[in-house]
PDB file of N, CA and C in Angstrom:
ATOM      1  N   MET A   1      31.670  84.228  97.922  1.00  0.00           N
ATOM      2  CA  MET A   1      31.313  82.573  98.470  1.00  0.00           C
ATOM      3  C   MET A   1      32.757  82.163  98.549  1.00  0.00           C
ATOM      4  N   ASP A   2      32.722  81.365  99.677  1.00  0.00           N
ATOM      5  CA  ASP A   2      33.927  80.784  99.777  1.00  0.00           C
ATOM      6  C   ASP A   2      34.737  79.775  98.892  1.00  0.00           C
ATOM      7  N   ILE A   3      36.141  79.895  98.782  1.00  0.00           N
ATOM      8  CA  ILE A   3      36.627  78.922  97.603  1.00  0.00           C
ATOM      9  C   ILE A   3      36.756  77.641  98.434  1.00  0.00           C
ATOM     10  N   ASP A   4      36.847  77.508  99.619  1.00  0.00           N
ATOM     11  CA  ASP A   4      36.524  76.236  99.873  1.00  0.00           C
ATOM     12  C   ASP A   4      35.632  75.039 100.087  1.00  0.00           C
ATOM     13  N   ILE A   5      34.217  75.910  99.679  1.00  0.00           N
ATOM     14  CA  ILE A   5      33.179  75.328  99.137  1.00  0.00           C
ATOM     15  C   ILE A   5      33.078  74.912  97.885  1.00  0.00           C
ATOM     16  N   ILE A   6      33.536  76.098  97.278  1.00  0.00           N
ATOM     17  CA  ILE A   6      33.781  75.386  95.862  1.00  0.00           C
ATOM     18  C   ILE A   6      34.165  74.692  95.351  1.00  0.00           C
ATOM     19  N   SER A   7      35.695  74.444  96.073  1.00  0.00           N
ATOM     20  CA  SER A   7      36.991  73.193  95.448  1.00  0.00           C
ATOM     21  C   SER A   7      36.002  71.771  96.227  1.00  0.00           C
ATOM     22  N   GLY A   8      35.393  72.246  97.461  1.00  0.00           N
ATOM     23  CA  GLY A   8      35.076  70.764  98.282  1.00  0.00           C
ATOM     24  C   GLY A   8      34.082  70.270  96.984  1.00  0.00           C
ATOM     25  N   LEU A   9      33.071  70.939  96.760  1.00  0.00           N
ATOM     26  CA  LEU A   9      31.944  70.461  95.980  1.00  0.00           C
ATOM     27  C   LEU A   9      32.513  70.146  94.472  1.00  0.00           C
ATOM     28  N   TYR A  10      33.240  71.194  94.195  1.00  0.00           N
ATOM     29  CA  TYR A  10      33.793  70.175  92.727  1.00  0.00           C
ATOM     30  C   TYR A  10      34.629  69.002  92.840  1.00  0.00           C
ATOM     31  N   HIS A  11      34.929  68.340  94.101  1.00  0.00           N
ATOM     32  CA  HIS A  11      35.902  67.213  94.343  1.00  0.00           C
ATOM     33  C   HIS A  11      34.637  66.662  93.910  1.00  0.00           C
ATOM     34  N   TYR A  12      33.511  66.376  94.190  1.00  0.00           N
ATOM     35  CA  TYR A  12      31.929  65.655  94.306  1.00  0.00           C
ATOM     36  C   TYR A  12      31.195  65.598  92.871  1.00  0.00           C
ATOM     37  N   GLY A  13      31.939  66.623  91.713  1.00  0.00           N
ATOM     38  CA  GLY A  13      31.232  66.915  90.481  1.00  0.00           C
ATOM     39  C   GLY A  13      30.272  67.656  90.750  1.00  0.00           C
ATOM     40  N   LEU A  14      30.347  68.602  91.912  1.00  0.00           N
ATOM     41  CA  LEU A  14      28.891  69.482  91.977  1.00  0.00           C
ATOM     42  C   LEU A  14      29.687  70.999  92.061  1.00  0.00           C
ATOM     43  N   THR A  15      28.697  71.773  91.560  1.00  0.00           N
ATOM     44  CA  THR A  15      29.186  73.402  91.698  1.00  0.00           C
ATOM     45  C   THR A  15      27.921  74.053  92.632  1.00  0.00           C
ATOM     46  N   ILE A  16      27.969  75.294  92.401  1.00  0.00           N
ATOM     47  CA  ILE A  16      26.906  75.612  93.466  1.00  0.00           C
ATOM     48  C   ILE A  16      26.263  77.328  92.619  1.00  0.00           C
ATOM     49  N   ILE A  17      24.768  77.535  92.592  1.00  0.00           N
ATOM     50  CA  ILE A  17      24.367  78.770  92.291  1.00  0.00           C
ATOM     51  C   ILE A  17      23.562  79.288  93.259  1.00  0.00           C
ATOM     52  N   LYS A  18      23.514  80.561  93.223  1.00  0.00           N
ATOM     53  CA  LYS A  18      22.880  81.298  94.014  1.00  0.00           C
ATOM     54  C   LYS A  18      21.288  81.454  93.577  1.00  0.00           C
ATOM     55  N   TYR A  19      20.724  81.657  94.027  1.00  0.00           N
ATOM     56  CA  TYR A  19      19.059  81.307  93.933  1.00  0.00           C
ATOM     57  C   TYR A  19      17.998  81.569  94.894  1.00  0.00           C
ATOM     58  N   GLU A  20      17.467  83.022  94.284  1.00  0.00           N
ATOM     59  CA  GLU A  20      17.209  83.921  94.944  1.00  0.00           C
ATOM     60  C   GLU A  20      17.937  84.271  96.754  1.00  0.00           C
ATOM     61  N   GLN A  21      17.241  83.768  97.755  1.00  0.00           N
ATOM     62  CA  GLN A  21      18.156  83.861  98.933  1.00  0.00           C
ATOM     63  C   GLN A  21      18.620  82.507  99.548  1.00  0.00           C
ATOM     64  N   ASP A  22      18.574  81.715  98.891  1.00  0.00           N
ATOM     65  CA  ASP A  22      19.392  80.332  98.705  1.00  0.00           C
ATOM     66  C   ASP A  22      20.470  79.826  97.697  1.00  0.00           C
ATOM     67  N   TYR A  23      20.885  78.880  97.816  1.00  0.00           N
ATOM     68  CA  TYR A  23      21.700  78.152  97.036  1.00  0.00           C
ATOM     69  C   TYR A  23      21.171  76.782  96.530  1.00  0.00           C
ATOM     70  N   CYS A  24      21.541  76.593  95.104  1.00  0.00           N
ATOM     71  CA  CYS A  24      21.366  75.322  94.565  1.00  0.00           C
ATOM     72  C   CYS A  24      22.621  74.749  94.189  1.00  0.00           C
ATOM     73  N   LEU A  25      22.899  73.263  94.211  1.00  0.00           N
ATOM     74  CA  LEU A  25      23.786  72.347  94.347  1.00  0.00           C
ATOM     75  C   LEU A  25      23.438  72.094  92.580  1.00  0.00           C
ATOM     76  N   VAL A  26      24.552  72.030  91.994  1.00  0.00           N
ATOM     77  CA  VAL A  26      24.331  71.498  89.972  1.00  0.00           C
ATOM     78  C   VAL A  26      25.138  70.530  89.964  1.00  0.00           C
ATOM     79  N   ASP A  27      24.926  69.395  89.861  1.00  0.00           N
ATOM     80  CA  ASP A  27      25.608  68.354  88.856  1.00  0.00           C
ATOM     81  C   ASP A  27      26.460  68.660  87.784  1.00  0.00           C
ATOM     82  N   LEU A  28      27.570  68.546  87.569  1.00  0.00           N
ATOM     83  CA  LEU A  28      28.661  69.019  86.777  1.00  0.00           C
ATOM     84  C   LEU A  28      28.395  68.278  85.072  1.00  0.00           C
ATOM     85  N   LYS A  29      28.103  67.089  85.763  1.00  0.00           N
ATOM     86  CA  LYS A  29      27.930  65.918  84.675  1.00  0.00           C
ATOM     87  C   LYS A  29      26.638  66.245  83.773  1.00  0.00           C
ATOM     88  N   THR A  30      25.471  66.179  84.673  1.00  0.00           N
ATOM     89  CA  THR A  30      24.179  65.703  84.285  1.00  0.00           C
ATOM     90  C   THR A  30      23.604  67.312  84.145  1.00  0.00           C
ATOM     91  N   GLN A  31      24.049  68.386  84.922  1.00  0.00           N
ATOM     92  CA  GLN A  31      23.425  69.394  84.905  1.00  0.00           C
ATOM     93  C   GLN A  31      22.110  69.570  85.666  1.00  0.00           C
ATOM     94  N   GLU A  32      21.890  68.430  86.812  1.00  0.00           N
ATOM     95  CA  GLU A  32      20.640  68.494  87.528  1.00  0.00           C
ATOM     96  C   GLU A  32      20.906  69.472  88.405  1.00  0.00           C
ATOM     97  N   VAL A  33      19.649  70.360  88.464  1.00  0.00           N
ATOM     98  CA  VAL A  33      19.664  71.207  89.905  1.00  0.00           C
ATOM     99  C   VAL A  33      18.871  70.553  91.156  1.00  0.00           C
ATOM    100  N   TYR A  34      19.858  70.543  92.315  1.00  0.00           N
ATOM    101  CA  TYR A  34      19.086  70.192  93.222  1.00  0.00           C
ATOM    102  C   TYR A  34      18.100  71.302  94.123  1.00  0.00           C
ATOM    103  N   GLU A  35      17.558  70.904  95.204  1.00  0.00           N
ATOM    104  CA  GLU A  35      16.645  71.698  95.827  1.00  0.00           C
ATOM    105  C   GLU A  35      17.116  72.980  96.604  1.00  0.00           C
ATOM    106  N   LYS A  36      17.133  74.177  96.888  1.00  0.00           N
ATOM    107  CA  LYS A  36      17.517  74.875  97.557  1.00  0.00           C
ATOM    108  C   LYS A  36      17.730  74.854  98.969  1.00  0.00           C
ATOM    109  N   MET A  37      18.999  75.564  99.139  1.00  0.00           N
ATOM    110  CA  MET A  37      19.224  75.116 100.661  1.00  0.00           C
ATOM    111  C   MET A  37      20.051  75.980 101.021  1.00  0.00           C
ATOM    112  N   SER A  38      20.274  76.509 102.286  1.00  0.00           N
ATOM    113  CA  SER A  38      21.388  77.752 102.725  1.00  0.00           C
ATOM    114  C   SER A  38      22.619  77.051 102.888  1.00  0.00           C
ATOM    115  N   ILE A  39      23.783  78.097 102.830  1.00  0.00           N
ATOM    116  CA  ILE A  39      24.753  77.691 102.943  1.00  0.00           C
ATOM    117  C   ILE A  39      25.234  77.060 104.456  1.00  0.00           C
ATOM    118  N   TYR A  40      24.610  77.252 105.145  1.00  0.00           N
ATOM    119  CA  TYR A  40      25.220  76.709 106.492  1.00  0.00           C
ATOM    120  C   TYR A  40      24.769  75.109 106.252  1.00  0.00           C
ATOM    121  N   TYR A  41      23.459  74.457 105.688  1.00  0.00           N
ATOM    122  CA  TYR A  41      23.582  73.312 105.322  1.00  0.00           C
ATOM    123  C   TYR A  41      24.444  72.676 103.993  1.00  0.00           C
ATOM    124  N   ILE A  42      24.789  73.223 103.343  1.00  0.00           N
ATOM    125  CA  ILE A  42      26.006  73.092 102.123  1.00  0.00           C
ATOM    126  C   ILE A  42      27.036  72.602 102.890  1.00  0.00           C
ATOM    127  N   ARG A  43      27.570  73.688 103.778  1.00  0.00           N
ATOM    128  CA  ARG A  43      28.710  73.346 104.993  1.00  0.00           C
ATOM    129  C   ARG A  43      28.614  71.978 105.287  1.00  0.00           C
ATOM    130  N   ARG A  44      27.491  72.115 106.217  1.00  0.00           N
ATOM    131  CA  ARG A  44      27.228  70.919 106.728  1.00  0.00           C
ATOM    132  C   ARG A  44      27.599  69.428 106.153  1.00  0.00           C
ATOM    133  N   LEU A  45      26.945  69.585 104.997  1.00  0.00           N
ATOM    134  CA  LEU A  45      27.089  68.451 103.872  1.00  0.00           C
ATOM    135  C   LEU A  45      28.553  68.135 103.673  1.00  0.00           C
ATOM    136  N   LEU A  46      29.338  68.989 103.156  1.00  0.00           N
ATOM    137  CA  LEU A  46      30.479  68.875 102.970  1.00  0.00           C
ATOM    138  C   LEU A  46      31.326  67.799 104.022  1.00  0.00           C
ATOM    139  N   ARG A  47      31.030  68.956 105.106  1.00  0.00           N
ATOM    140  CA  ARG A  47      31.651  68.205 106.447  1.00  0.00           C
ATOM    141  C   ARG A  47      31.348  66.390 106.474  1.00  0.00           C
ATOM    142  N   SER A  48      30.191  66.293 106.078  1.00  0.00           N
ATOM    143  CA  SER A  48      29.768  64.777 106.154  1.00  0.00           C
ATOM    144  C   SER A  48      30.106  64.112 105.491  1.00  0.00           C
ATOM    145  N   TRP A  49      30.116  64.340 104.080  1.00  0.00           N
ATOM    146  CA  TRP A  49      31.264  63.612 102.979  1.00  0.00           C
ATOM    147  C   TRP A  49      32.467  63.713 103.294  1.00  0.00           C
ATOM    148  N   ASN A  50      32.864  64.134 103.540  1.00  0.00           N
ATOM    149  CA  ASN A  50      34.235  64.237 103.844  1.00  0.00           C
ATOM    150  C   ASN A  50      34.857  63.355 104.825  1.00  0.00           C
ATOM    151  N   LYS A  51      34.120  63.373 105.703  1.00  0.00           N
ATOM    152  CA  LYS A  51      34.256  62.696 106.876  1.00  0.00           C
ATOM    153  C   LYS A  51      34.087  61.176 106.750  1.00  0.00           C
ATOM    154  N   HIS A  52      32.584  60.898 105.974  1.00  0.00           N
ATOM    155  CA  HIS A  52      32.378  59.437 105.523  1.00  0.00           C
ATOM    156  C   HIS A  52      33.960  58.984 104.561  1.00  0.00           C
ATOM    157  N   ARG A  53      34.323  60.054 103.608  1.00  0.00           N
ATOM    158  CA  ARG A  53      35.594  59.709 103.060  1.00  0.00           C
ATOM    159  C   ARG A  53      36.447  59.270 103.569  1.00  0.00           C
ATOM    160  N   LYS A  54      36.655  59.984 104.646  1.00  0.00           N
ATOM    161  CA  LYS A  54      38.048  59.435 105.328  1.00  0.00           C
ATOM    162  C   LYS A  54      37.818  57.991 105.875  1.00  0.00           C
ATOM    163  N   ASN A  55      36.635  58.154 106.484  1.00  0.00           N
ATOM    164  CA  ASN A  55      36.561  57.196 107.395  1.00  0.00           C
ATOM    165  C   ASN A  55      36.747  55.695 106.181  1.00  0.00           C
ATOM    166  N   ILE A  56      36.464  55.620 105.130  1.00  0.00           N
ATOM    167  CA  ILE A  56      36.292  54.908 103.949  1.00  0.00           C
ATOM    168  C   ILE A  56      37.870  54.630 103.942  1.00  0.00           C
ATOM    169  N   GLU A  57      38.463  55.390 103.528  1.00  0.00           N
ATOM    170  CA  GLU A  57      40.119  55.541 103.202  1.00  0.00           C
ATOM    171  C   GLU A  57      40.930  54.839 104.266  1.00  0.00           C
ATOM    172  N   ASN A  58      40.257  55.012 105.346  1.00  0.00           N
ATOM    173  CA  ASN A  58      41.223  54.659 106.407  1.00  0.00           C
ATOM    174  C   ASN A  58      40.852  52.973 106.893  1.00  0.00           C
ATOM    175  N   VAL A  59      39.427  52.377 105.878  1.00  0.00           N
ATOM    176  CA  VAL A  59      39.398  50.987 106.069  1.00  0.00           C
ATOM    177  C   VAL A  59      40.526  50.495 104.806  1.00  0.00           C
ATOM    178  N   ILE A  60      40.463  50.975 103.768  1.00  0.00           N
ATOM    179  CA  ILE A  60      40.666  50.401 102.452  1.00  0.00           C
ATOM    180  C   ILE A  60      42.173  50.160 102.548  1.00  0.00           C
TER     181      ILE A  60
END
């Protein structure tokens, strides 16, 4: 597993688990397990969240 993905998810209070052929995100606070998704989709989510966060920080 890519350490950049793990640390990126941790920033948002999430971790990742392998489930069958896909992965699931897990909320570290509530232990809620989210739907199965590909590692490609998780990378896209992180990029989108980070881009949005940087845009907000530039406004503040």
